[in-house]
PDB file of N, CA and C in Angstrom:
ATOM      1  N   MET A   1     117.135  62.533 140.504  1.00  0.00           N
ATOM      2  CA  MET A   1     117.017  61.695 139.236  1.00  0.00           C
ATOM      3  C   MET A   1     115.662  61.981 138.573  1.00  0.00           C
ATOM      4  N   GLN A   2     114.596  62.018 139.320  1.00  0.00           N
ATOM      5  CA  GLN A   2     113.328  62.227 138.786  1.00  0.00           C
ATOM      6  C   GLN A   2     113.156  63.682 138.150  1.00  0.00           C
ATOM      7  N   PHE A   3     113.902  64.565 138.715  1.00  0.00           N
ATOM      8  CA  PHE A   3     113.817  66.028 138.278  1.00  0.00           C
ATOM      9  C   PHE A   3     114.432  66.188 136.848  1.00  0.00           C
ATOM     10  N   SER A   4     115.452  65.452 136.578  1.00  0.00           N
ATOM     11  CA  SER A   4     116.127  65.617 135.272  1.00  0.00           C
ATOM     12  C   SER A   4     115.338  65.279 134.009  1.00  0.00           C
ATOM     13  N   SER A   5     114.407  64.370 134.137  1.00  0.00           N
ATOM     14  CA  SER A   5     113.613  63.932 132.994  1.00  0.00           C
ATOM     15  C   SER A   5     112.712  65.076 132.419  1.00  0.00           C
ATOM     16  N   PRO A   6     111.983  65.797 133.264  1.00  0.00           N
ATOM     17  CA  PRO A   6     111.196  66.906 132.742  1.00  0.00           C
ATOM     18  C   PRO A   6     112.060  67.989 132.176  1.00  0.00           C
ATOM     19  N   ILE A   7     113.171  68.252 132.730  1.00  0.00           N
ATOM     20  CA  ILE A   7     114.038  69.307 132.240  1.00  0.00           C
ATOM     21  C   ILE A   7     114.571  68.882 130.836  1.00  0.00           C
ATOM     22  N   ALA A   8     114.917  67.678 130.694  1.00  0.00           N
ATOM     23  CA  ALA A   8     115.409  67.130 129.383  1.00  0.00           C
ATOM     24  C   ALA A   8     114.266  67.298 128.343  1.00  0.00           C
ATOM     25  N   LEU A   9     113.060  66.970 128.694  1.00  0.00           N
ATOM     26  CA  LEU A   9     111.969  67.074 127.779  1.00  0.00           C
ATOM     27  C   LEU A   9     111.730  68.551 127.367  1.00  0.00           C
ATOM     28  N   VAL A  10     111.730  69.462 128.302  1.00  0.00           N
ATOM     29  CA  VAL A  10     111.552  70.915 128.058  1.00  0.00           C
ATOM     30  C   VAL A  10     112.702  71.338 127.101  1.00  0.00           C
ATOM     31  N   ALA A  11     113.909  70.990 127.392  1.00  0.00           N
ATOM     32  CA  ALA A  11     115.087  71.313 126.496  1.00  0.00           C
ATOM     33  C   ALA A  11     114.868  70.830 125.126  1.00  0.00           C
ATOM     34  N   LEU A  12     114.478  69.639 124.980  1.00  0.00           N
ATOM     35  CA  LEU A  12     114.207  69.036 123.632  1.00  0.00           C
ATOM     36  C   LEU A  12     113.087  69.747 122.908  1.00  0.00           C
ATOM     37  N   LEU A  13     112.043  70.064 123.620  1.00  0.00           N
ATOM     38  CA  LEU A  13     111.013  70.915 122.931  1.00  0.00           C
ATOM     39  C   LEU A  13     111.453  72.308 122.466  1.00  0.00           C
ATOM     40  N   LEU A  14     112.228  72.941 123.334  1.00  0.00           N
ATOM     41  CA  LEU A  14     112.690  74.226 122.984  1.00  0.00           C
ATOM     42  C   LEU A  14     113.646  74.189 121.802  1.00  0.00           C
ATOM     43  N   ILE A  15     114.502  73.134 121.742  1.00  0.00           N
ATOM     44  CA  ILE A  15     115.434  73.025 120.579  1.00  0.00           C
ATOM     45  C   ILE A  15     114.619  72.736 119.350  1.00  0.00           C
ATOM     46  N   HIS A  16     113.546  71.880 119.388  1.00  0.00           N
ATOM     47  CA  HIS A  16     112.723  71.632 118.257  1.00  0.00           C
ATOM     48  C   HIS A  16     112.095  72.798 117.753  1.00  0.00           C
ATOM     49  N   SER A  17     111.486  73.631 118.667  1.00  0.00           N
ATOM     50  CA  SER A  17     110.773  74.838 118.271  1.00  0.00           C
ATOM     51  C   SER A  17     111.677  75.834 117.594  1.00  0.00           C
ATOM     52  N   GLN A  18     112.904  75.964 118.043  1.00  0.00           N
ATOM     53  CA  GLN A  18     113.954  76.829 117.492  1.00  0.00           C
ATOM     54  C   GLN A  18     114.279  76.453 116.105  1.00  0.00           C
ATOM     55  N   VAL A  19     114.447  75.161 115.913  1.00  0.00           N
ATOM     56  CA  VAL A  19     114.751  74.625 114.593  1.00  0.00           C
ATOM     57  C   VAL A  19     113.650  74.919 113.555  1.00  0.00           C
ATOM     58  N   VAL A  20     112.423  74.790 113.905  1.00  0.00           N
ATOM     59  CA  VAL A  20     111.326  74.918 113.007  1.00  0.00           C
ATOM     60  C   VAL A  20     111.106  76.510 112.775  1.00  0.00           C
ATOM     61  N   PHE A  21     111.256  77.267 113.784  1.00  0.00           N
ATOM     62  CA  PHE A  21     110.873  78.709 113.686  1.00  0.00           C
ATOM     63  C   PHE A  21     112.016  79.641 113.392  1.00  0.00           C
ATOM     64  N   SER A  22     113.273  79.216 113.360  1.00  0.00           N
ATOM     65  CA  SER A  22     114.338  80.113 113.085  1.00  0.00           C
ATOM     66  C   SER A  22     114.422  80.470 111.663  1.00  0.00           C
ATOM     67  N   THR A  23     115.223  81.492 111.295  1.00  0.00           N
ATOM     68  CA  THR A  23     115.385  81.902 109.912  1.00  0.00           C
ATOM     69  C   THR A  23     116.350  80.881 109.244  1.00  0.00           C
ATOM     70  N   PHE A  24     116.063  80.605 107.955  1.00  0.00           N
ATOM     71  CA  PHE A  24     117.007  79.670 107.204  1.00  0.00           C
ATOM     72  C   PHE A  24     117.275  80.283 105.903  1.00  0.00           C
ATOM     73  N   LEU A  25     118.443  79.972 105.347  1.00  0.00           N
ATOM     74  CA  LEU A  25     118.906  80.418 104.045  1.00  0.00           C
ATOM     75  C   LEU A  25     118.755  79.350 102.989  1.00  0.00           C
ATOM     76  N   CYS A  26     118.533  79.751 101.785  1.00  0.00           N
ATOM     77  CA  CYS A  26     118.515  78.831 100.645  1.00  0.00           C
ATOM     78  C   CYS A  26     119.648  79.302  99.701  1.00  0.00           C
ATOM     79  N   ASN A  27     120.844  79.078 100.183  1.00  0.00           N
ATOM     80  CA  ASN A  27     122.027  79.549  99.416  1.00  0.00           C
ATOM     81  C   ASN A  27     123.035  78.431  99.087  1.00  0.00           C
ATOM     82  N   ASP A  28     122.586  77.211  98.958  1.00  0.00           N
ATOM     83  CA  ASP A  28     123.460  76.137  98.602  1.00  0.00           C
ATOM     84  C   ASP A  28     123.674  76.190  97.011  1.00  0.00           C
ATOM     85  N   ASP A  29     124.922  76.349  96.670  1.00  0.00           N
ATOM     86  CA  ASP A  29     125.212  76.538  95.244  1.00  0.00           C
ATOM     87  C   ASP A  29     125.798  75.264  94.519  1.00  0.00           C
ATOM     88  N   SER A  30     125.596  74.127  95.225  1.00  0.00           N
ATOM     89  CA  SER A  30     126.108  72.891  94.541  1.00  0.00           C
ATOM     90  C   SER A  30     125.265  72.729  93.273  1.00  0.00           C
ATOM     91  N   PRO A  31     125.836  71.951  92.301  1.00  0.00           N
ATOM     92  CA  PRO A  31     125.129  71.828  91.038  1.00  0.00           C
ATOM     93  C   PRO A  31     123.657  71.347  91.080  1.00  0.00           C
ATOM     94  N   PHE A  32     123.410  70.371  91.935  1.00  0.00           N
ATOM     95  CA  PHE A  32     121.996  69.865  92.076  1.00  0.00           C
ATOM     96  C   PHE A  32     121.063  70.927  92.692  1.00  0.00           C
ATOM     97  N   ARG A  33     121.622  71.671  93.586  1.00  0.00           N
ATOM     98  CA  ARG A  33     120.775  72.622  94.379  1.00  0.00           C
ATOM     99  C   ARG A  33     120.786  74.046  93.916  1.00  0.00           C
ATOM    100  N   SER A  34     121.506  74.342  92.866  1.00  0.00           N
ATOM    101  CA  SER A  34     121.754  75.752  92.452  1.00  0.00           C
ATOM    102  C   SER A  34     120.406  76.469  92.123  1.00  0.00           C
ATOM    103  N   ARG A  35     119.368  75.827  91.750  1.00  0.00           N
ATOM    104  CA  ARG A  35     118.106  76.557  91.400  1.00  0.00           C
ATOM    105  C   ARG A  35     117.137  76.452  92.547  1.00  0.00           C
ATOM    106  N   ALA A  36     117.425  75.742  93.591  1.00  0.00           N
ATOM    107  CA  ALA A  36     116.499  75.596  94.726  1.00  0.00           C
ATOM    108  C   ALA A  36     116.708  76.726  95.722  1.00  0.00           C
ATOM    109  N   LYS A  37     116.253  77.884  95.385  1.00  0.00           N
ATOM    110  CA  LYS A  37     116.526  79.111  96.194  1.00  0.00           C
ATOM    111  C   LYS A  37     115.337  79.656  96.887  1.00  0.00           C
ATOM    112  N   VAL A  38     114.225  79.004  96.799  1.00  0.00           N
ATOM    113  CA  VAL A  38     112.991  79.456  97.524  1.00  0.00           C
ATOM    114  C   VAL A  38     112.685  78.672  98.719  1.00  0.00           C
ATOM    115  N   GLY A  39     112.451  79.264  99.846  1.00  0.00           N
ATOM    116  CA  GLY A  39     112.120  78.583 101.028  1.00  0.00           C
ATOM    117  C   GLY A  39     110.627  78.081 101.157  1.00  0.00           C
ATOM    118  N   TYR A  40     110.399  76.910 101.721  1.00  0.00           N
ATOM    119  CA  TYR A  40     109.079  76.400 101.819  1.00  0.00           C
ATOM    120  C   TYR A  40     108.912  75.777 103.199  1.00  0.00           C
ATOM    121  N   CYS A  41     107.662  75.839 103.765  1.00  0.00           N
ATOM    122  CA  CYS A  41     107.321  75.113 104.990  1.00  0.00           C
ATOM    123  C   CYS A  41     106.441  73.962 104.545  1.00  0.00           C
ATOM    124  N   ILE A  42     106.701  72.766 105.093  1.00  0.00           N
ATOM    125  CA  ILE A  42     105.876  71.648 104.666  1.00  0.00           C
ATOM    126  C   ILE A  42     105.449  70.745 105.786  1.00  0.00           C
ATOM    127  N   ARG A  43     104.405  69.986 105.541  1.00  0.00           N
ATOM    128  CA  ARG A  43     103.978  68.836 106.405  1.00  0.00           C
ATOM    129  C   ARG A  43     103.319  67.811 105.610  1.00  0.00           C
ATOM    130  N   LYS A  44     103.321  66.651 106.193  1.00  0.00           N
ATOM    131  CA  LYS A  44     102.598  65.475 105.521  1.00  0.00           C
ATOM    132  C   LYS A  44     101.131  65.587 105.686  1.00  0.00           C
ATOM    133  N   ILE A  45     100.392  65.019 104.662  1.00  0.00           N
ATOM    134  CA  ILE A  45      98.972  64.890 104.861  1.00  0.00           C
ATOM    135  C   ILE A  45      98.753  63.711 105.829  1.00  0.00           C
ATOM    136  N   ASN A  46      97.950  64.034 106.848  1.00  0.00           N
ATOM    137  CA  ASN A  46      97.691  62.975 107.918  1.00  0.00           C
ATOM    138  C   ASN A  46      96.239  62.532 107.846  1.00  0.00           C
ATOM    139  N   ASN A  47      96.038  61.336 107.504  1.00  0.00           N
ATOM    140  CA  ASN A  47      94.682  60.746 107.357  1.00  0.00           C
ATOM    141  C   ASN A  47      93.748  61.024 108.538  1.00  0.00           C
ATOM    142  N   ASP A  48      94.328  60.834 109.746  1.00  0.00           N
ATOM    143  CA  ASP A  48      93.486  60.957 110.939  1.00  0.00           C
ATOM    144  C   ASP A  48      93.132  62.461 111.272  1.00  0.00           C
ATOM    145  N   LEU A  49      94.103  63.348 111.023  1.00  0.00           N
ATOM    146  CA  LEU A  49      93.905  64.791 111.393  1.00  0.00           C
ATOM    147  C   LEU A  49      93.332  65.558 110.205  1.00  0.00           C
ATOM    148  N   ASP A  50      93.378  65.103 109.010  1.00  0.00           N
ATOM    149  CA  ASP A  50      92.986  65.845 107.889  1.00  0.00           C
ATOM    150  C   ASP A  50      91.651  65.357 107.317  1.00  0.00           C
ATOM    151  N   ASN A  51      90.982  64.518 107.899  1.00  0.00           N
ATOM    152  CA  ASN A  51      89.681  63.953 107.351  1.00  0.00           C
ATOM    153  C   ASN A  51      88.651  65.051 107.071  1.00  0.00           C
ATOM    154  N   SER A  52      88.666  66.155 107.805  1.00  0.00           N
ATOM    155  CA  SER A  52      87.650  67.167 107.592  1.00  0.00           C
ATOM    156  C   SER A  52      87.955  68.112 106.468  1.00  0.00           C
ATOM    157  N   PHE A  53      89.094  67.968 105.864  1.00  0.00           N
ATOM    158  CA  PHE A  53      89.452  68.857 104.726  1.00  0.00           C
ATOM    159  C   PHE A  53      89.272  68.046 103.424  1.00  0.00           C
ATOM    160  N   ASP A  54      88.127  68.336 102.667  1.00  0.00           N
ATOM    161  CA  ASP A  54      87.884  67.590 101.434  1.00  0.00           C
ATOM    162  C   ASP A  54      88.980  67.775 100.413  1.00  0.00           C
ATOM    163  N   THR A  55      89.512  69.006 100.364  1.00  0.00           N
ATOM    164  CA  THR A  55      90.644  69.320  99.414  1.00  0.00           C
ATOM    165  C   THR A  55      91.785  68.317  99.676  1.00  0.00           C
ATOM    166  N   LEU A  56      92.164  68.127 100.862  1.00  0.00           N
ATOM    167  CA  LEU A  56      93.343  67.242 101.225  1.00  0.00           C
ATOM    168  C   LEU A  56      93.070  65.855 100.889  1.00  0.00           C
ATOM    169  N   GLN A  57      91.750  65.415 101.137  1.00  0.00           N
ATOM    170  CA  GLN A  57      91.389  63.979 100.748  1.00  0.00           C
ATOM    171  C   GLN A  57      91.502  63.869  99.288  1.00  0.00           C
ATOM    172  N   GLY A  58      91.135  64.843  98.504  1.00  0.00           N
ATOM    173  CA  GLY A  58      91.285  64.783  97.030  1.00  0.00           C
ATOM    174  C   GLY A  58      92.703  64.709  96.594  1.00  0.00           C
ATOM    175  N   TRP A  59      93.588  65.484  97.235  1.00  0.00           N
ATOM    176  CA  TRP A  59      95.031  65.467  96.940  1.00  0.00           C
ATOM    177  C   TRP A  59      95.522  64.070  97.228  1.00  0.00           C
ATOM    178  N   LYS A  60      95.146  63.537  98.418  1.00  0.00           N
ATOM    179  CA  LYS A  60      95.700  62.255  98.794  1.00  0.00           C
ATOM    180  C   LYS A  60      95.264  61.170  97.773  1.00  0.00           C
ATOM    181  N   LYS A  61      94.065  61.202  97.351  1.00  0.00           N
ATOM    182  CA  LYS A  61      93.537  60.222  96.303  1.00  0.00           C
ATOM    183  C   LYS A  61      94.361  60.406  95.051  1.00  0.00           C
ATOM    184  N   ALA A  62      94.860  61.588  94.750  1.00  0.00           N
ATOM    185  CA  ALA A  62      95.600  61.899  93.539  1.00  0.00           C
ATOM    186  C   ALA A  62      97.116  61.467  93.722  1.00  0.00           C
ATOM    187  N   GLY A  63      97.436  60.952  94.923  1.00  0.00           N
ATOM    188  CA  GLY A  63      98.843  60.553  95.133  1.00  0.00           C
ATOM    189  C   GLY A  63      99.658  61.575  95.876  1.00  0.00           C
ATOM    190  N   LYS A  64      99.135  62.756  96.131  1.00  0.00           N
ATOM    191  CA  LYS A  64      99.913  63.781  96.783  1.00  0.00           C
ATOM    192  C   LYS A  64      99.957  63.425  98.292  1.00  0.00           C
ATOM    193  N   THR A  65     101.115  63.562  98.798  1.00  0.00           N
ATOM    194  CA  THR A  65     101.375  63.155 100.247  1.00  0.00           C
ATOM    195  C   THR A  65     101.854  64.289 101.149  1.00  0.00           C
ATOM    196  N   THR A  66     102.201  65.472 100.577  1.00  0.00           N
ATOM    197  CA  THR A  66     102.739  66.516 101.334  1.00  0.00           C
ATOM    198  C   THR A  66     102.152  67.871 100.887  1.00  0.00           C
ATOM    199  N   ILE A  67     101.920  68.700 101.956  1.00  0.00           N
ATOM    200  CA  ILE A  67     101.366  70.073 101.787  1.00  0.00           C
ATOM    201  C   ILE A  67     102.544  71.032 101.880  1.00  0.00           C
ATOM    202  N   VAL A  68     102.636  71.915 100.894  1.00  0.00           N
ATOM    203  CA  VAL A  68     103.753  72.873 100.817  1.00  0.00           C
ATOM    204  C   VAL A  68     103.222  74.325 100.722  1.00  0.00           C
ATOM    205  N   GLU A  69     103.834  75.122 101.522  1.00  0.00           N
ATOM    206  CA  GLU A  69     103.523  76.599 101.432  1.00  0.00           C
ATOM    207  C   GLU A  69     104.872  77.398 101.361  1.00  0.00           C
ATOM    208  N   LYS A  70     104.880  78.446 100.677  1.00  0.00           N
ATOM    209  CA  LYS A  70     106.081  79.298 100.552  1.00  0.00           C
ATOM    210  C   LYS A  70     106.318  79.863 101.952  1.00  0.00           C
ATOM    211  N   ALA A  71     107.541  79.863 102.408  1.00  0.00           N
ATOM    212  CA  ALA A  71     107.891  80.417 103.694  1.00  0.00           C
ATOM    213  C   ALA A  71     107.911  81.969 103.617  1.00  0.00           C
ATOM    214  N   THR A  72     107.817  82.647 104.787  1.00  0.00           N
ATOM    215  CA  THR A  72     107.876  84.067 104.798  1.00  0.00           C
ATOM    216  C   THR A  72     109.258  84.570 104.567  1.00  0.00           C
ATOM    217  N   LYS A  73     109.379  85.528 103.723  1.00  0.00           N
ATOM    218  CA  LYS A  73     110.751  86.111 103.503  1.00  0.00           C
ATOM    219  C   LYS A  73     111.159  86.854 104.728  1.00  0.00           C
ATOM    220  N   SER A  74     112.426  86.650 105.143  1.00  0.00           N
ATOM    221  CA  SER A  74     112.878  87.215 106.373  1.00  0.00           C
ATOM    222  C   SER A  74     114.309  87.784 106.101  1.00  0.00           C
ATOM    223  N   GLY A  75     114.399  89.099 106.017  1.00  0.00           N
ATOM    224  CA  GLY A  75     115.693  89.685 105.728  1.00  0.00           C
ATOM    225  C   GLY A  75     115.983  89.639 104.239  1.00  0.00           C
ATOM    226  N   SER A  76     117.218  89.889 103.884  1.00  0.00           N
ATOM    227  CA  SER A  76     117.549  89.950 102.429  1.00  0.00           C
ATOM    228  C   SER A  76     117.568  88.611 101.747  1.00  0.00           C
ATOM    229  N   SER A  77     117.919  87.537 102.439  1.00  0.00           N
ATOM    230  CA  SER A  77     118.007  86.252 101.735  1.00  0.00           C
ATOM    231  C   SER A  77     117.470  85.102 102.569  1.00  0.00           C
ATOM    232  N   GLY A  78     116.857  85.393 103.724  1.00  0.00           N
ATOM    233  CA  GLY A  78     116.381  84.322 104.618  1.00  0.00           C
ATOM    234  C   GLY A  78     114.880  84.085 104.492  1.00  0.00           C
ATOM    235  N   TYR A  79     114.519  82.961 105.082  1.00  0.00           N
ATOM    236  CA  TYR A  79     113.121  82.579 105.090  1.00  0.00           C
ATOM    237  C   TYR A  79     112.752  82.105 106.498  1.00  0.00           C
ATOM    238  N   SER A  80     111.500  82.126 106.869  1.00  0.00           N
ATOM    239  CA  SER A  80     111.024  81.669 108.119  1.00  0.00           C
ATOM    240  C   SER A  80     109.684  80.950 108.070  1.00  0.00           C
ATOM    241  N   CYS A  81     109.540  79.949 108.934  1.00  0.00           N
ATOM    242  CA  CYS A  81     108.208  79.249 109.051  1.00  0.00           C
ATOM    243  C   CYS A  81     107.612  79.554 110.384  1.00  0.00           C
ATOM    244  N   GLY A  82     108.063  80.643 110.993  1.00  0.00           N
ATOM    245  CA  GLY A  82     107.661  81.037 112.418  1.00  0.00           C
ATOM    246  C   GLY A  82     106.239  80.883 112.791  1.00  0.00           C
ATOM    247  N   ASP A  83     105.358  81.507 112.069  1.00  0.00           N
ATOM    248  CA  ASP A  83     103.962  81.546 112.493  1.00  0.00           C
ATOM    249  C   ASP A  83     103.050  80.682 111.528  1.00  0.00           C
ATOM    250  N   PHE A  84     103.641  79.658 110.951  1.00  0.00           N
ATOM    251  CA  PHE A  84     102.825  78.898 109.945  1.00  0.00           C
ATOM    252  C   PHE A  84     102.065  77.817 110.672  1.00  0.00           C
ATOM    253  N   ILE A  85     100.823  77.728 110.244  1.00  0.00           N
ATOM    254  CA  ILE A  85      99.895  76.638 110.548  1.00  0.00           C
ATOM    255  C   ILE A  85      99.405  76.218 109.193  1.00  0.00           C
ATOM    256  N   ILE A  86      99.559  75.029 108.774  1.00  0.00           N
ATOM    257  CA  ILE A  86      99.080  74.520 107.489  1.00  0.00           C
ATOM    258  C   ILE A  86      97.960  73.622 107.652  1.00  0.00           C
ATOM    259  N   PHE A  87      96.740  74.057 107.216  1.00  0.00           N
ATOM    260  CA  PHE A  87      95.443  73.370 107.410  1.00  0.00           C
ATOM    261  C   PHE A  87      95.325  72.926 108.886  1.00  0.00           C
ATOM    262  N   GLY A  88      95.538  73.806 109.796  1.00  0.00           N
ATOM    263  CA  GLY A  88      95.327  73.564 111.218  1.00  0.00           C
ATOM    264  C   GLY A  88      96.412  72.778 111.925  1.00  0.00           C
ATOM    265  N   GLN A  89      97.526  72.464 111.311  1.00  0.00           N
ATOM    266  CA  GLN A  89      98.579  71.739 111.944  1.00  0.00           C
ATOM    267  C   GLN A  89      99.939  72.423 111.773  1.00  0.00           C
ATOM    268  N   ALA A  90     100.803  72.067 112.665  1.00  0.00           N
ATOM    269  CA  ALA A  90     102.104  72.745 112.671  1.00  0.00           C
ATOM    270  C   ALA A  90     103.003  72.290 111.498  1.00  0.00           C
ATOM    271  N   VAL A  91     103.961  73.076 111.132  1.00  0.00           N
ATOM    272  CA  VAL A  91     104.936  72.801 110.053  1.00  0.00           C
ATOM    273  C   VAL A  91     105.866  71.696 110.660  1.00  0.00           C
ATOM    274  N   GLU A  92     106.182  70.732 109.774  1.00  0.00           N
ATOM    275  CA  GLU A  92     107.017  69.622 110.148  1.00  0.00           C
ATOM    276  C   GLU A  92     108.491  69.767 109.712  1.00  0.00           C
ATOM    277  N   ARG A  93     108.636  70.415 108.503  1.00  0.00           N
ATOM    278  CA  ARG A  93     109.968  70.584 107.934  1.00  0.00           C
ATOM    279  C   ARG A  93     110.053  71.948 107.192  1.00  0.00           C
ATOM    280  N   ARG A  94     111.186  72.402 107.047  1.00  0.00           N
ATOM    281  CA  ARG A  94     111.503  73.610 106.183  1.00  0.00           C
ATOM    282  C   ARG A  94     112.509  73.150 105.194  1.00  0.00           C
ATOM    283  N   VAL A  95     112.252  73.542 103.959  1.00  0.00           N
ATOM    284  CA  VAL A  95     113.100  73.077 102.832  1.00  0.00           C
ATOM    285  C   VAL A  95     113.316  74.238 101.850  1.00  0.00           C
ATOM    286  N   CYS A  96     114.344  74.041 101.013  1.00  0.00           N
ATOM    287  CA  CYS A  96     114.545  75.012  99.857  1.00  0.00           C
ATOM    288  C   CYS A  96     114.288  74.174  98.627  1.00  0.00           C
ATOM    289  N   CYS A  97     113.552  74.768  97.709  1.00  0.00           N
ATOM    290  CA  CYS A  97     113.080  74.018  96.511  1.00  0.00           C
ATOM    291  C   CYS A  97     113.105  74.869  95.288  1.00  0.00           C
ATOM    292  N   ASN A  98     113.035  74.114  94.147  1.00  0.00           N
ATOM    293  CA  ASN A  98     112.805  74.637  92.827  1.00  0.00           C
ATOM    294  C   ASN A  98     111.593  73.744  92.334  1.00  0.00           C
ATOM    295  N   LEU A  99     110.406  73.994  92.909  1.00  0.00           N
ATOM    296  CA  LEU A  99     109.268  73.076  92.590  1.00  0.00           C
ATOM    297  C   LEU A  99     108.546  73.472  91.316  1.00  0.00           C
ATOM    298  N   PRO A 100     108.086  72.477  90.548  1.00  0.00           N
ATOM    299  CA  PRO A 100     107.182  72.779  89.454  1.00  0.00           C
ATOM    300  C   PRO A 100     105.818  73.258  89.955  1.00  0.00           C
ATOM    301  N   LYS A 101     105.118  73.955  89.124  1.00  0.00           N
ATOM    302  CA  LYS A 101     103.770  74.459  89.505  1.00  0.00           C
ATOM    303  C   LYS A 101     102.915  73.201  89.775  1.00  0.00           C
ATOM    304  N   SER A 102     102.132  73.224  90.853  1.00  0.00           N
ATOM    305  CA  SER A 102     101.262  72.143  91.101  1.00  0.00           C
ATOM    306  C   SER A 102      99.850  72.381  90.607  1.00  0.00           C
ATOM    307  N   GLN A 103      99.233  71.352  90.103  1.00  0.00           N
ATOM    308  CA  GLN A 103      97.806  71.436  89.753  1.00  0.00           C
ATOM    309  C   GLN A 103      96.913  71.407  90.975  1.00  0.00           C
ATOM    310  N   PHE A 104      97.471  70.959  92.065  1.00  0.00           N
ATOM    311  CA  PHE A 104      96.760  70.749  93.355  1.00  0.00           C
ATOM    312  C   PHE A 104      97.079  71.926  94.323  1.00  0.00           C
ATOM    313  N   THR A 105      96.309  73.040  94.153  1.00  0.00           N
ATOM    314  CA  THR A 105      96.581  74.242  94.865  1.00  0.00           C
ATOM    315  C   THR A 105      95.330  74.834  95.455  1.00  0.00           C
ATOM    316  N   LEU A 106      95.402  75.243  96.695  1.00  0.00           N
ATOM    317  CA  LEU A 106      94.257  75.910  97.416  1.00  0.00           C
ATOM    318  C   LEU A 106      94.831  77.064  98.120  1.00  0.00           C
ATOM    319  N   ARG A 107      94.410  78.238  97.782  1.00  0.00           N
ATOM    320  CA  ARG A 107      95.023  79.462  98.332  1.00  0.00           C
ATOM    321  C   ARG A 107      96.544  79.445  98.223  1.00  0.00           C
ATOM    322  N   MET A 108      97.210  79.359  99.333  1.00  0.00           N
ATOM    323  CA  MET A 108      98.694  79.449  99.334  1.00  0.00           C
ATOM    324  C   MET A 108      99.332  78.034  99.365  1.00  0.00           C
ATOM    325  N   ALA A 109      98.558  77.018  99.613  1.00  0.00           N
ATOM    326  CA  ALA A 109      99.089  75.696  99.841  1.00  0.00           C
ATOM    327  C   ALA A 109      98.961  74.867  98.550  1.00  0.00           C
ATOM    328  N   SER A 110      99.898  74.011  98.346  1.00  0.00           N
ATOM    329  CA  SER A 110      99.977  73.097  97.206  1.00  0.00           C
ATOM    330  C   SER A 110     100.307  71.646  97.675  1.00  0.00           C
ATOM    331  N   GLY A 111      99.823  70.726  96.842  1.00  0.00           N
ATOM    332  CA  GLY A 111     100.097  69.311  97.139  1.00  0.00           C
ATOM    333  C   GLY A 111     101.164  68.778  96.244  1.00  0.00           C
ATOM    334  N   TYR A 112     102.090  67.984  96.781  1.00  0.00           N
ATOM    335  CA  TYR A 112     103.108  67.324  96.075  1.00  0.00           C
ATOM    336  C   TYR A 112     103.356  65.936  96.597  1.00  0.00           C
ATOM    337  N   THR A 113     104.015  65.106  95.692  1.00  0.00           N
ATOM    338  CA  THR A 113     104.350  63.717  96.158  1.00  0.00           C
ATOM    339  C   THR A 113     105.640  63.786  96.798  1.00  0.00           C
ATOM    340  N   ASP A 114     105.986  62.661  97.526  1.00  0.00           N
ATOM    341  CA  ASP A 114     107.330  62.590  98.133  1.00  0.00           C
ATOM    342  C   ASP A 114     108.415  62.620  97.113  1.00  0.00           C
ATOM    343  N   GLU A 115     108.157  61.985  96.004  1.00  0.00           N
ATOM    344  CA  GLU A 115     109.158  62.028  94.952  1.00  0.00           C
ATOM    345  C   GLU A 115     109.424  63.401  94.397  1.00  0.00           C
ATOM    346  N   GLU A 116     108.381  64.210  94.191  1.00  0.00           N
ATOM    347  CA  GLU A 116     108.593  65.623  93.747  1.00  0.00           C
ATOM    348  C   GLU A 116     109.356  66.384  94.756  1.00  0.00           C
ATOM    349  N   ILE A 117     109.117  66.178  96.059  1.00  0.00           N
ATOM    350  CA  ILE A 117     109.834  66.858  97.113  1.00  0.00           C
ATOM    351  C   ILE A 117     111.332  66.449  97.107  1.00  0.00           C
ATOM    352  N   SER A 118     111.538  65.132  97.024  1.00  0.00           N
ATOM    353  CA  SER A 118     112.961  64.674  97.081  1.00  0.00           C
ATOM    354  C   SER A 118     113.791  65.087  95.880  1.00  0.00           C
ATOM    355  N   ILE A 119     113.142  65.247  94.704  1.00  0.00           N
ATOM    356  CA  ILE A 119     113.858  65.652  93.537  1.00  0.00           C
ATOM    357  C   ILE A 119     114.118  67.142  93.514  1.00  0.00           C
ATOM    358  N   SER A 120     113.140  67.909  94.027  1.00  0.00           N
ATOM    359  CA  SER A 120     113.267  69.448  93.853  1.00  0.00           C
ATOM    360  C   SER A 120     113.680  70.131  95.065  1.00  0.00           C
ATOM    361  N   CYS A 121     113.870  69.455  96.240  1.00  0.00           N
ATOM    362  CA  CYS A 121     114.057  70.175  97.482  1.00  0.00           C
ATOM    363  C   CYS A 121     115.215  69.618  98.302  1.00  0.00           C
ATOM    364  N   TYR A 122     115.776  70.373  99.227  1.00  0.00           N
ATOM    365  CA  TYR A 122     116.745  69.917 100.173  1.00  0.00           C
ATOM    366  C   TYR A 122     116.306  70.562 101.546  1.00  0.00           C
ATOM    367  N   SER A 123     116.570  69.829 102.639  1.00  0.00           N
ATOM    368  CA  SER A 123     116.153  70.294 104.002  1.00  0.00           C
ATOM    369  C   SER A 123     117.087  71.355 104.527  1.00  0.00           C
ATOM    370  N   ARG A 124     116.537  72.209 105.360  1.00  0.00           N
ATOM    371  CA  ARG A 124     117.337  73.207 106.019  1.00  0.00           C
ATOM    372  C   ARG A 124     117.101  73.127 107.450  1.00  0.00           C
TER     373      ARG A 124
END
């Protein structure tokens, strides 16, 4: 009995890592999603973990809650978040989007609100 708990935990962690790091497609052609063809890796701005990043604190004050980076192109139509670390933290979600250009950009990362993400993106 005691042995099965650690095995279940390891299996859960492996499944989670495969979900985040596997290749994903942005090929949903439904009317709402027809223009959301670019893959992105995203994570929430975390007040406790991101205090040392002045840029992120500025984004948070401006109402931005999510950090977004374009995913790596993988193959002819796929994307991957495999090796992504966003401001020192792991990717939380992968999405396909048709995002407007953000005024809150630093290098490859941009800040968006939850509303902007929900309107312009869908999860993969």
